[in-house]
Amino acid sequence: MVNKGLEVMEAKWLFDVDLERIEVV
């Protein structure tokens, strides 16, 4: 599930959102 962790960080930059607004399901 490291891949999903990398995707969380990528999403933060791609979509300019705070980490608190990224949820993994």
mmCIF file of all heavy atoms, coordinates in Angstrom:
data_MODEL
# 
_entry.id   MODEL 
# 
loop_
_atom_site.group_PDB 
_atom_site.id 
_atom_site.type_symbol 
_atom_site.label_atom_id 
_atom_site.label_alt_id 
_atom_site.label_comp_id 
_atom_site.label_asym_id 
_atom_site.label_entity_id 
_atom_site.label_seq_id 
_atom_site.pdbx_PDB_ins_code 
_atom_site.Cartn_x 
_atom_site.Cartn_y 
_atom_site.Cartn_z 
_atom_site.occupancy 
_atom_site.B_iso_or_equiv 
_atom_site.pdbx_formal_charge 
_atom_site.auth_seq_id 
_atom_site.auth_comp_id 
_atom_site.auth_asym_id 
_atom_site.auth_atom_id 
_atom_site.pdbx_PDB_model_num 
ATOM 1   N N   . MET A 1 1  ? 0.810   -1.218 0.000   1.00 0.00 ? 1  MET A N   1 
ATOM 2   C CA  . MET A 1 1  ? 0.000   0.000  0.000   1.00 0.00 ? 1  MET A CA  1 
ATOM 3   C C   . MET A 1 1  ? 0.843   1.268  0.000   1.00 0.00 ? 1  MET A C   1 
ATOM 4   O O   . MET A 1 1  ? 0.335   2.371  0.192   1.00 0.00 ? 1  MET A O   1 
ATOM 5   C CB  . MET A 1 1  ? -1.039  0.017  1.127   1.00 0.00 ? 1  MET A CB  1 
ATOM 6   C CG  . MET A 1 1  ? -2.154  -1.003 0.908   1.00 0.00 ? 1  MET A CG  1 
ATOM 7   S SD  . MET A 1 1  ? -3.650  -0.699 1.845   1.00 0.00 ? 1  MET A SD  1 
ATOM 8   C CE  . MET A 1 1  ? -4.357  0.702  0.933   1.00 0.00 ? 1  MET A CE  1 
ATOM 9   N N   . VAL A 1 2  ? 2.149   1.124  -0.202  1.00 0.00 ? 2  VAL A N   1 
ATOM 10  C CA  . VAL A 1 2  ? 3.002   2.292  -0.399  1.00 0.00 ? 2  VAL A CA  1 
ATOM 11  C C   . VAL A 1 2  ? 2.569   3.044  -1.658  1.00 0.00 ? 2  VAL A C   1 
ATOM 12  O O   . VAL A 1 2  ? 2.622   4.277  -1.716  1.00 0.00 ? 2  VAL A O   1 
ATOM 13  C CB  . VAL A 1 2  ? 4.489   1.879  -0.489  1.00 0.00 ? 2  VAL A CB  1 
ATOM 14  C CG1 . VAL A 1 2  ? 5.347   2.996  -1.074  1.00 0.00 ? 2  VAL A CG1 1 
ATOM 15  C CG2 . VAL A 1 2  ? 5.010   1.502  0.896   1.00 0.00 ? 2  VAL A CG2 1 
ATOM 16  N N   . ASN A 1 3  ? 2.144   2.297  -2.663  1.00 0.00 ? 3  ASN A N   1 
ATOM 17  C CA  . ASN A 1 3  ? 1.677   2.933  -3.895  1.00 0.00 ? 3  ASN A CA  1 
ATOM 18  C C   . ASN A 1 3  ? 0.570   3.941  -3.611  1.00 0.00 ? 3  ASN A C   1 
ATOM 19  O O   . ASN A 1 3  ? 0.554   5.034  -4.184  1.00 0.00 ? 3  ASN A O   1 
ATOM 20  C CB  . ASN A 1 3  ? 1.181   1.861  -4.866  1.00 0.00 ? 3  ASN A CB  1 
ATOM 21  C CG  . ASN A 1 3  ? 0.896   2.423  -6.246  1.00 0.00 ? 3  ASN A CG  1 
ATOM 22  O OD1 . ASN A 1 3  ? 1.729   3.115  -6.807  1.00 0.00 ? 3  ASN A OD1 1 
ATOM 23  N ND2 . ASN A 1 3  ? -0.279  2.136  -6.777  1.00 0.00 ? 3  ASN A ND2 1 
ATOM 24  N N   . LYS A 1 4  ? -0.333  3.585  -2.716  1.00 0.00 ? 4  LYS A N   1 
ATOM 25  C CA  . LYS A 1 4  ? -1.411  4.506  -2.393  1.00 0.00 ? 4  LYS A CA  1 
ATOM 26  C C   . LYS A 1 4  ? -0.877  5.715  -1.630  1.00 0.00 ? 4  LYS A C   1 
ATOM 27  O O   . LYS A 1 4  ? -1.370  6.844  -1.801  1.00 0.00 ? 4  LYS A O   1 
ATOM 28  C CB  . LYS A 1 4  ? -2.481  3.793  -1.571  1.00 0.00 ? 4  LYS A CB  1 
ATOM 29  C CG  . LYS A 1 4  ? -3.857  4.408  -1.645  1.00 0.00 ? 4  LYS A CG  1 
ATOM 30  C CD  . LYS A 1 4  ? -4.363  4.579  -3.072  1.00 0.00 ? 4  LYS A CD  1 
ATOM 31  C CE  . LYS A 1 4  ? -4.273  3.344  -3.938  1.00 0.00 ? 4  LYS A CE  1 
ATOM 32  N NZ  . LYS A 1 4  ? -4.786  3.566  -5.303  1.00 0.00 ? 4  LYS A NZ  1 
ATOM 33  N N   . GLY A 1 5  ? 0.145   5.486  -0.812  1.00 0.00 ? 5  GLY A N   1 
ATOM 34  C CA  . GLY A 1 5  ? 0.778   6.605  -0.116  1.00 0.00 ? 5  GLY A CA  1 
ATOM 35  C C   . GLY A 1 5  ? 1.424   7.580  -1.078  1.00 0.00 ? 5  GLY A C   1 
ATOM 36  O O   . GLY A 1 5  ? 1.313   8.805  -0.918  1.00 0.00 ? 5  GLY A O   1 
ATOM 37  N N   . LEU A 1 6  ? 2.091   7.046  -2.107  1.00 0.00 ? 6  LEU A N   1 
ATOM 38  C CA  . LEU A 1 6  ? 2.684   7.900  -3.133  1.00 0.00 ? 6  LEU A CA  1 
ATOM 39  C C   . LEU A 1 6  ? 1.599   8.672  -3.882  1.00 0.00 ? 6  LEU A C   1 
ATOM 40  O O   . LEU A 1 6  ? 1.771   9.845  -4.211  1.00 0.00 ? 6  LEU A O   1 
ATOM 41  C CB  . LEU A 1 6  ? 3.500   7.053  -4.109  1.00 0.00 ? 6  LEU A CB  1 
ATOM 42  C CG  . LEU A 1 6  ? 4.752   6.363  -3.541  1.00 0.00 ? 6  LEU A CG  1 
ATOM 43  C CD1 . LEU A 1 6  ? 5.320   5.379  -4.557  1.00 0.00 ? 6  LEU A CD1 1 
ATOM 44  C CD2 . LEU A 1 6  ? 5.808   7.377  -3.135  1.00 0.00 ? 6  LEU A CD2 1 
ATOM 45  N N   . GLU A 1 7  ? 0.468   8.016  -4.113  1.00 0.00 ? 7  GLU A N   1 
ATOM 46  C CA  . GLU A 1 7  ? -0.632  8.672  -4.825  1.00 0.00 ? 7  GLU A CA  1 
ATOM 47  C C   . GLU A 1 7  ? -1.253  9.788  -3.992  1.00 0.00 ? 7  GLU A C   1 
ATOM 48  O O   . GLU A 1 7  ? -1.707  10.798 -4.547  1.00 0.00 ? 7  GLU A O   1 
ATOM 49  C CB  . GLU A 1 7  ? -1.690  7.640  -5.207  1.00 0.00 ? 7  GLU A CB  1 
ATOM 50  C CG  . GLU A 1 7  ? -1.236  6.718  -6.333  1.00 0.00 ? 7  GLU A CG  1 
ATOM 51  C CD  . GLU A 1 7  ? -2.248  5.622  -6.633  1.00 0.00 ? 7  GLU A CD  1 
ATOM 52  O OE1 . GLU A 1 7  ? -3.343  5.633  -6.039  1.00 0.00 ? 7  GLU A OE1 1 
ATOM 53  O OE2 . GLU A 1 7  ? -1.927  4.753  -7.473  1.00 0.00 ? 7  GLU A OE2 1 
ATOM 54  N N   . VAL A 1 8  ? -1.293  9.611  -2.678  1.00 0.00 ? 8  VAL A N   1 
ATOM 55  C CA  . VAL A 1 8  ? -1.787  10.681 -1.802  1.00 0.00 ? 8  VAL A CA  1 
ATOM 56  C C   . VAL A 1 8  ? -0.928  11.930 -1.971  1.00 0.00 ? 8  VAL A C   1 
ATOM 57  O O   . VAL A 1 8  ? -1.434  13.051 -2.142  1.00 0.00 ? 8  VAL A O   1 
ATOM 58  C CB  . VAL A 1 8  ? -1.778  10.222 -0.330  1.00 0.00 ? 8  VAL A CB  1 
ATOM 59  C CG1 . VAL A 1 8  ? -1.968  11.411 0.620   1.00 0.00 ? 8  VAL A CG1 1 
ATOM 60  C CG2 . VAL A 1 8  ? -2.880  9.196  -0.080  1.00 0.00 ? 8  VAL A CG2 1 
ATOM 61  N N   . MET A 1 9  ? 0.397   11.731 -1.937  1.00 0.00 ? 9  MET A N   1 
ATOM 62  C CA  . MET A 1 9  ? 1.309   12.871 -2.080  1.00 0.00 ? 9  MET A CA  1 
ATOM 63  C C   . MET A 1 9  ? 1.211   13.496 -3.466  1.00 0.00 ? 9  MET A C   1 
ATOM 64  O O   . MET A 1 9  ? 1.271   14.718 -3.623  1.00 0.00 ? 9  MET A O   1 
ATOM 65  C CB  . MET A 1 9  ? 2.733   12.426 -1.776  1.00 0.00 ? 9  MET A CB  1 
ATOM 66  C CG  . MET A 1 9  ? 2.969   12.120 -0.302  1.00 0.00 ? 9  MET A CG  1 
ATOM 67  S SD  . MET A 1 9  ? 4.709   11.810 0.076   1.00 0.00 ? 9  MET A SD  1 
ATOM 68  C CE  . MET A 1 9  ? 4.705   10.032 0.200   1.00 0.00 ? 9  MET A CE  1 
ATOM 69  N N   . GLU A 1 10 ? 1.042   12.645 -4.476  1.00 0.00 ? 10 GLU A N   1 
ATOM 70  C CA  . GLU A 1 10 ? 0.903   13.148 -5.839  1.00 0.00 ? 10 GLU A CA  1 
ATOM 71  C C   . GLU A 1 10 ? -0.375  13.966 -5.987  1.00 0.00 ? 10 GLU A C   1 
ATOM 72  O O   . GLU A 1 10 ? -0.385  15.033 -6.614  1.00 0.00 ? 10 GLU A O   1 
ATOM 73  C CB  . GLU A 1 10 ? 0.897   11.970 -6.821  1.00 0.00 ? 10 GLU A CB  1 
ATOM 74  C CG  . GLU A 1 10 ? 0.995   12.371 -8.269  1.00 0.00 ? 10 GLU A CG  1 
ATOM 75  C CD  . GLU A 1 10 ? 1.030   11.178 -9.207  1.00 0.00 ? 10 GLU A CD  1 
ATOM 76  O OE1 . GLU A 1 10 ? 0.913   10.033 -8.745  1.00 0.00 ? 10 GLU A OE1 1 
ATOM 77  O OE2 . GLU A 1 10 ? 1.168   11.401 -10.426 1.00 0.00 ? 10 GLU A OE2 1 
ATOM 78  N N   . ALA A 1 11 ? -1.465  13.470 -5.403  1.00 0.00 ? 11 ALA A N   1 
ATOM 79  C CA  . ALA A 1 11 ? -2.749  14.175 -5.488  1.00 0.00 ? 11 ALA A CA  1 
ATOM 80  C C   . ALA A 1 11 ? -2.671  15.553 -4.843  1.00 0.00 ? 11 ALA A C   1 
ATOM 81  O O   . ALA A 1 11 ? -3.278  16.516 -5.325  1.00 0.00 ? 11 ALA A O   1 
ATOM 82  C CB  . ALA A 1 11 ? -3.846  13.343 -4.829  1.00 0.00 ? 11 ALA A CB  1 
ATOM 83  N N   . LYS A 1 12 ? -1.930  15.645 -3.749  1.00 0.00 ? 12 LYS A N   1 
ATOM 84  C CA  . LYS A 1 12 ? -1.770  16.927 -3.056  1.00 0.00 ? 12 LYS A CA  1 
ATOM 85  C C   . LYS A 1 12 ? -1.251  18.005 -4.008  1.00 0.00 ? 12 LYS A C   1 
ATOM 86  O O   . LYS A 1 12 ? -1.749  19.134 -4.019  1.00 0.00 ? 12 LYS A O   1 
ATOM 87  C CB  . LYS A 1 12 ? -0.819  16.755 -1.875  1.00 0.00 ? 12 LYS A CB  1 
ATOM 88  C CG  . LYS A 1 12 ? -0.427  18.040 -1.165  1.00 0.00 ? 12 LYS A CG  1 
ATOM 89  C CD  . LYS A 1 12 ? 0.591   17.751 -0.078  1.00 0.00 ? 12 LYS A CD  1 
ATOM 90  C CE  . LYS A 1 12 ? 0.983   19.025 0.661   1.00 0.00 ? 12 LYS A CE  1 
ATOM 91  N NZ  . LYS A 1 12 ? 1.702   19.990 -0.189  1.00 0.00 ? 12 LYS A NZ  1 
ATOM 92  N N   . TRP A 1 13 ? -0.259  17.639 -4.814  1.00 0.00 ? 13 TRP A N   1 
ATOM 93  C CA  . TRP A 1 13 ? 0.341   18.618 -5.732  1.00 0.00 ? 13 TRP A CA  1 
ATOM 94  C C   . TRP A 1 13 ? -0.479  18.789 -7.013  1.00 0.00 ? 13 TRP A C   1 
ATOM 95  O O   . TRP A 1 13 ? -0.659  19.921 -7.484  1.00 0.00 ? 13 TRP A O   1 
ATOM 96  C CB  . TRP A 1 13 ? 1.769   18.186 -6.074  1.00 0.00 ? 13 TRP A CB  1 
ATOM 97  C CG  . TRP A 1 13 ? 2.686   18.276 -4.906  1.00 0.00 ? 13 TRP A CG  1 
ATOM 98  C CD1 . TRP A 1 13 ? 3.265   17.243 -4.216  1.00 0.00 ? 13 TRP A CD1 1 
ATOM 99  C CD2 . TRP A 1 13 ? 3.119   19.479 -4.255  1.00 0.00 ? 13 TRP A CD2 1 
ATOM 100 N NE1 . TRP A 1 13 ? 4.029   17.721 -3.185  1.00 0.00 ? 13 TRP A NE1 1 
ATOM 101 C CE2 . TRP A 1 13 ? 3.956   19.091 -3.187  1.00 0.00 ? 13 TRP A CE2 1 
ATOM 102 C CE3 . TRP A 1 13 ? 2.882   20.831 -4.475  1.00 0.00 ? 13 TRP A CE3 1 
ATOM 103 C CZ2 . TRP A 1 13 ? 4.554   20.022 -2.347  1.00 0.00 ? 13 TRP A CZ2 1 
ATOM 104 C CZ3 . TRP A 1 13 ? 3.477   21.768 -3.635  1.00 0.00 ? 13 TRP A CZ3 1 
ATOM 105 C CH2 . TRP A 1 13 ? 4.305   21.350 -2.585  1.00 0.00 ? 13 TRP A CH2 1 
ATOM 106 N N   . LEU A 1 14 ? -0.963  17.700 -7.558  1.00 0.00 ? 14 LEU A N   1 
ATOM 107 C CA  . LEU A 1 14 ? -1.722  17.787 -8.810  1.00 0.00 ? 14 LEU A CA  1 
ATOM 108 C C   . LEU A 1 14 ? -2.964  18.656 -8.676  1.00 0.00 ? 14 LEU A C   1 
ATOM 109 O O   . LEU A 1 14 ? -3.292  19.438 -9.573  1.00 0.00 ? 14 LEU A O   1 
ATOM 110 C CB  . LEU A 1 14 ? -2.141  16.383 -9.256  1.00 0.00 ? 14 LEU A CB  1 
ATOM 111 C CG  . LEU A 1 14 ? -1.264  15.640 -10.251 1.00 0.00 ? 14 LEU A CG  1 
ATOM 112 C CD1 . LEU A 1 14 ? -1.811  14.244 -10.473 1.00 0.00 ? 14 LEU A CD1 1 
ATOM 113 C CD2 . LEU A 1 14 ? -1.157  16.389 -11.582 1.00 0.00 ? 14 LEU A CD2 1 
ATOM 114 N N   . PHE A 1 15 ? -3.663  18.508 -7.549  1.00 0.00 ? 15 PHE A N   1 
ATOM 115 C CA  . PHE A 1 15 ? -4.964  19.155 -7.397  1.00 0.00 ? 15 PHE A CA  1 
ATOM 116 C C   . PHE A 1 15 ? -4.970  20.263 -6.354  1.00 0.00 ? 15 PHE A C   1 
ATOM 117 O O   . PHE A 1 15 ? -6.023  20.820 -6.058  1.00 0.00 ? 15 PHE A O   1 
ATOM 118 C CB  . PHE A 1 15 ? -6.022  18.092 -7.069  1.00 0.00 ? 15 PHE A CB  1 
ATOM 119 C CG  . PHE A 1 15 ? -6.038  16.974 -8.073  1.00 0.00 ? 15 PHE A CG  1 
ATOM 120 C CD1 . PHE A 1 15 ? -5.650  15.692 -7.724  1.00 0.00 ? 15 PHE A CD1 1 
ATOM 121 C CD2 . PHE A 1 15 ? -6.385  17.213 -9.395  1.00 0.00 ? 15 PHE A CD2 1 
ATOM 122 C CE1 . PHE A 1 15 ? -5.638  14.658 -8.650  1.00 0.00 ? 15 PHE A CE1 1 
ATOM 123 C CE2 . PHE A 1 15 ? -6.367  16.196 -10.340 1.00 0.00 ? 15 PHE A CE2 1 
ATOM 124 C CZ  . PHE A 1 15 ? -5.996  14.915 -9.966  1.00 0.00 ? 15 PHE A CZ  1 
ATOM 125 N N   . ASP A 1 16 ? -3.777  20.556 -5.799  1.00 0.00 ? 16 ASP A N   1 
ATOM 126 C CA  . ASP A 1 16 ? -3.620  21.679 -4.865  1.00 0.00 ? 16 ASP A CA  1 
ATOM 127 C C   . ASP A 1 16 ? -4.620  21.597 -3.707  1.00 0.00 ? 16 ASP A C   1 
ATOM 128 O O   . ASP A 1 16 ? -5.379  22.534 -3.440  1.00 0.00 ? 16 ASP A O   1 
ATOM 129 C CB  . ASP A 1 16 ? -3.770  22.999 -5.621  1.00 0.00 ? 16 ASP A CB  1 
ATOM 130 C CG  . ASP A 1 16 ? -3.358  24.198 -4.780  1.00 0.00 ? 16 ASP A CG  1 
ATOM 131 O OD1 . ASP A 1 16 ? -2.567  24.021 -3.841  1.00 0.00 ? 16 ASP A OD1 1 
ATOM 132 O OD2 . ASP A 1 16 ? -3.843  25.316 -5.061  1.00 0.00 ? 16 ASP A OD2 1 
ATOM 133 N N   . VAL A 1 17 ? -4.612  20.440 -3.029  1.00 0.00 ? 17 VAL A N   1 
ATOM 134 C CA  . VAL A 1 17 ? -5.503  20.245 -1.879  1.00 0.00 ? 17 VAL A CA  1 
ATOM 135 C C   . VAL A 1 17 ? -4.675  19.897 -0.643  1.00 0.00 ? 17 VAL A C   1 
ATOM 136 O O   . VAL A 1 17 ? -3.594  19.313 -0.750  1.00 0.00 ? 17 VAL A O   1 
ATOM 137 C CB  . VAL A 1 17 ? -6.536  19.122 -2.128  1.00 0.00 ? 17 VAL A CB  1 
ATOM 138 C CG1 . VAL A 1 17 ? -7.502  19.514 -3.219  1.00 0.00 ? 17 VAL A CG1 1 
ATOM 139 C CG2 . VAL A 1 17 ? -5.849  17.814 -2.474  1.00 0.00 ? 17 VAL A CG2 1 
ATOM 140 N N   . ASP A 1 18 ? -5.196  20.235 0.527   1.00 0.00 ? 18 ASP A N   1 
ATOM 141 C CA  . ASP A 1 18 ? -4.532  19.890 1.774   1.00 0.00 ? 18 ASP A CA  1 
ATOM 142 C C   . ASP A 1 18 ? -4.632  18.386 2.022   1.00 0.00 ? 18 ASP A C   1 
ATOM 143 O O   . ASP A 1 18 ? -5.607  17.737 1.607   1.00 0.00 ? 18 ASP A O   1 
ATOM 144 C CB  . ASP A 1 18 ? -5.184  20.634 2.949   1.00 0.00 ? 18 ASP A CB  1 
ATOM 145 C CG  . ASP A 1 18 ? -5.092  22.143 2.789   1.00 0.00 ? 18 ASP A CG  1 
ATOM 146 O OD1 . ASP A 1 18 ? -4.114  22.609 2.178   1.00 0.00 ? 18 ASP A OD1 1 
ATOM 147 O OD2 . ASP A 1 18 ? -6.006  22.841 3.267   1.00 0.00 ? 18 ASP A OD2 1 
ATOM 148 N N   . LEU A 1 19 ? -3.645  17.850 2.736   1.00 0.00 ? 19 LEU A N   1 
ATOM 149 C CA  . LEU A 1 19 ? -3.664  16.422 3.064   1.00 0.00 ? 19 LEU A CA  1 
ATOM 150 C C   . LEU A 1 19 ? -4.917  16.021 3.819   1.00 0.00 ? 19 LEU A C   1 
ATOM 151 O O   . LEU A 1 19 ? -5.429  14.910 3.657   1.00 0.00 ? 19 LEU A O   1 
ATOM 152 C CB  . LEU A 1 19 ? -2.436  16.062 3.916   1.00 0.00 ? 19 LEU A CB  1 
ATOM 153 C CG  . LEU A 1 19 ? -1.109  15.891 3.194   1.00 0.00 ? 19 LEU A CG  1 
ATOM 154 C CD1 . LEU A 1 19 ? 0.002   15.703 4.202   1.00 0.00 ? 19 LEU A CD1 1 
ATOM 155 C CD2 . LEU A 1 19 ? -1.176  14.708 2.240   1.00 0.00 ? 19 LEU A CD2 1 
ATOM 156 N N   . GLU A 1 20 ? -5.404  16.929 4.663   1.00 0.00 ? 20 GLU A N   1 
ATOM 157 C CA  . GLU A 1 20 ? -6.587  16.636 5.478   1.00 0.00 ? 20 GLU A CA  1 
ATOM 158 C C   . GLU A 1 20 ? -7.823  16.393 4.623   1.00 0.00 ? 20 GLU A C   1 
ATOM 159 O O   . GLU A 1 20 ? -8.820  15.830 5.091   1.00 0.00 ? 20 GLU A O   1 
ATOM 160 C CB  . GLU A 1 20 ? -6.857  17.786 6.458   1.00 0.00 ? 20 GLU A CB  1 
ATOM 161 C CG  . GLU A 1 20 ? -5.823  17.947 7.554   1.00 0.00 ? 20 GLU A CG  1 
ATOM 162 C CD  . GLU A 1 20 ? -4.481  18.486 7.056   1.00 0.00 ? 20 GLU A CD  1 
ATOM 163 O OE1 . GLU A 1 20 ? -4.470  19.140 5.978   1.00 0.00 ? 20 GLU A OE1 1 
ATOM 164 O OE2 . GLU A 1 20 ? -3.463  18.253 7.721   1.00 0.00 ? 20 GLU A OE2 1 
ATOM 165 N N   . ARG A 1 21 ? -7.761  16.805 3.370   1.00 0.00 ? 21 ARG A N   1 
ATOM 166 C CA  . ARG A 1 21 ? -8.907  16.634 2.467   1.00 0.00 ? 21 ARG A CA  1 
ATOM 167 C C   . ARG A 1 21 ? -8.694  15.502 1.468   1.00 0.00 ? 21 ARG A C   1 
ATOM 168 O O   . ARG A 1 21 ? -9.406  15.407 0.472   1.00 0.00 ? 21 ARG A O   1 
ATOM 169 C CB  . ARG A 1 21 ? -9.206  17.943 1.743   1.00 0.00 ? 21 ARG A CB  1 
ATOM 170 C CG  . ARG A 1 21 ? -9.737  19.032 2.670   1.00 0.00 ? 21 ARG A CG  1 
ATOM 171 C CD  . ARG A 1 21 ? -10.367 20.154 1.873   1.00 0.00 ? 21 ARG A CD  1 
ATOM 172 N NE  . ARG A 1 21 ? -9.378  20.911 1.116   1.00 0.00 ? 21 ARG A NE  1 
ATOM 173 C CZ  . ARG A 1 21 ? -9.633  21.590 -0.001  1.00 0.00 ? 21 ARG A CZ  1 
ATOM 174 N NH1 . ARG A 1 21 ? -10.856 21.589 -0.510  1.00 0.00 ? 21 ARG A NH1 1 
ATOM 175 N NH2 . ARG A 1 21 ? -8.694  22.263 -0.613  1.00 0.00 ? 21 ARG A NH2 1 
ATOM 176 N N   . ILE A 1 22 ? -7.731  14.628 1.753   1.00 0.00 ? 22 ILE A N   1 
ATOM 177 C CA  . ILE A 1 22 ? -7.510  13.444 0.921   1.00 0.00 ? 22 ILE A CA  1 
ATOM 178 C C   . ILE A 1 22 ? -7.755  12.205 1.779   1.00 0.00 ? 22 ILE A C   1 
ATOM 179 O O   . ILE A 1 22 ? -7.120  12.015 2.804   1.00 0.00 ? 22 ILE A O   1 
ATOM 180 C CB  . ILE A 1 22 ? -6.073  13.398 0.354   1.00 0.00 ? 22 ILE A CB  1 
ATOM 181 C CG1 . ILE A 1 22 ? -5.779  14.668 -0.458  1.00 0.00 ? 22 ILE A CG1 1 
ATOM 182 C CG2 . ILE A 1 22 ? -5.894  12.165 -0.523  1.00 0.00 ? 22 ILE A CG2 1 
ATOM 183 C CD1 . ILE A 1 22 ? -4.346  14.769 -0.936  1.00 0.00 ? 22 ILE A CD1 1 
ATOM 184 N N   . GLU A 1 23 ? -8.692  11.390 1.352   1.00 0.00 ? 23 GLU A N   1 
ATOM 185 C CA  . GLU A 1 23 ? -9.076  10.199 2.111   1.00 0.00 ? 23 GLU A CA  1 
ATOM 186 C C   . GLU A 1 23 ? -8.903  8.956  1.235   1.00 0.00 ? 23 GLU A C   1 
ATOM 187 O O   . GLU A 1 23 ? -9.286  8.951  0.063   1.00 0.00 ? 23 GLU A O   1 
ATOM 188 C CB  . GLU A 1 23 ? -10.545 10.318 2.550   1.00 0.00 ? 23 GLU A CB  1 
ATOM 189 C CG  . GLU A 1 23 ? -11.056 9.139  3.354   1.00 0.00 ? 23 GLU A CG  1 
ATOM 190 C CD  . GLU A 1 23 ? -12.521 9.310  3.747   1.00 0.00 ? 23 GLU A CD  1 
ATOM 191 O OE1 . GLU A 1 23 ? -12.980 10.476 3.876   1.00 0.00 ? 23 GLU A OE1 1 
ATOM 192 O OE2 . GLU A 1 23 ? -13.207 8.284  3.905   1.00 0.00 ? 23 GLU A OE2 1 
ATOM 193 N N   . VAL A 1 24 ? -8.299  7.918  1.797   1.00 0.00 ? 24 VAL A N   1 
ATOM 194 C CA  . VAL A 1 24 ? -8.125  6.657  1.075   1.00 0.00 ? 24 VAL A CA  1 
ATOM 195 C C   . VAL A 1 24 ? -9.253  5.710  1.447   1.00 0.00 ? 24 VAL A C   1 
ATOM 196 O O   . VAL A 1 24 ? -9.558  5.507  2.626   1.00 0.00 ? 24 VAL A O   1 
ATOM 197 C CB  . VAL A 1 24 ? -6.755  6.014  1.398   1.00 0.00 ? 24 VAL A CB  1 
ATOM 198 C CG1 . VAL A 1 24 ? -6.644  4.636  0.747   1.00 0.00 ? 24 VAL A CG1 1 
ATOM 199 C CG2 . VAL A 1 24 ? -5.621  6.921  0.924   1.00 0.00 ? 24 VAL A CG2 1 
ATOM 200 N N   . VAL A 1 25 ? -9.892  5.141  0.434   1.00 0.00 ? 25 VAL A N   1 
ATOM 201 C CA  . VAL A 1 25 ? -10.985 4.185  0.632   1.00 0.00 ? 25 VAL A CA  1 
ATOM 202 C C   . VAL A 1 25 ? -10.644 2.898  -0.121  1.00 0.00 ? 25 VAL A C   1 
ATOM 203 O O   . VAL A 1 25 ? -10.328 2.932  -1.308  1.00 0.00 ? 25 VAL A O   1 
ATOM 204 C CB  . VAL A 1 25 ? -12.326 4.748  0.090   1.00 0.00 ? 25 VAL A CB  1 
ATOM 205 C CG1 . VAL A 1 25 ? -13.448 3.734  0.302   1.00 0.00 ? 25 VAL A CG1 1 
ATOM 206 C CG2 . VAL A 1 25 ? -12.659 6.061  0.755   1.00 0.00 ? 25 VAL A CG2 1 
# 
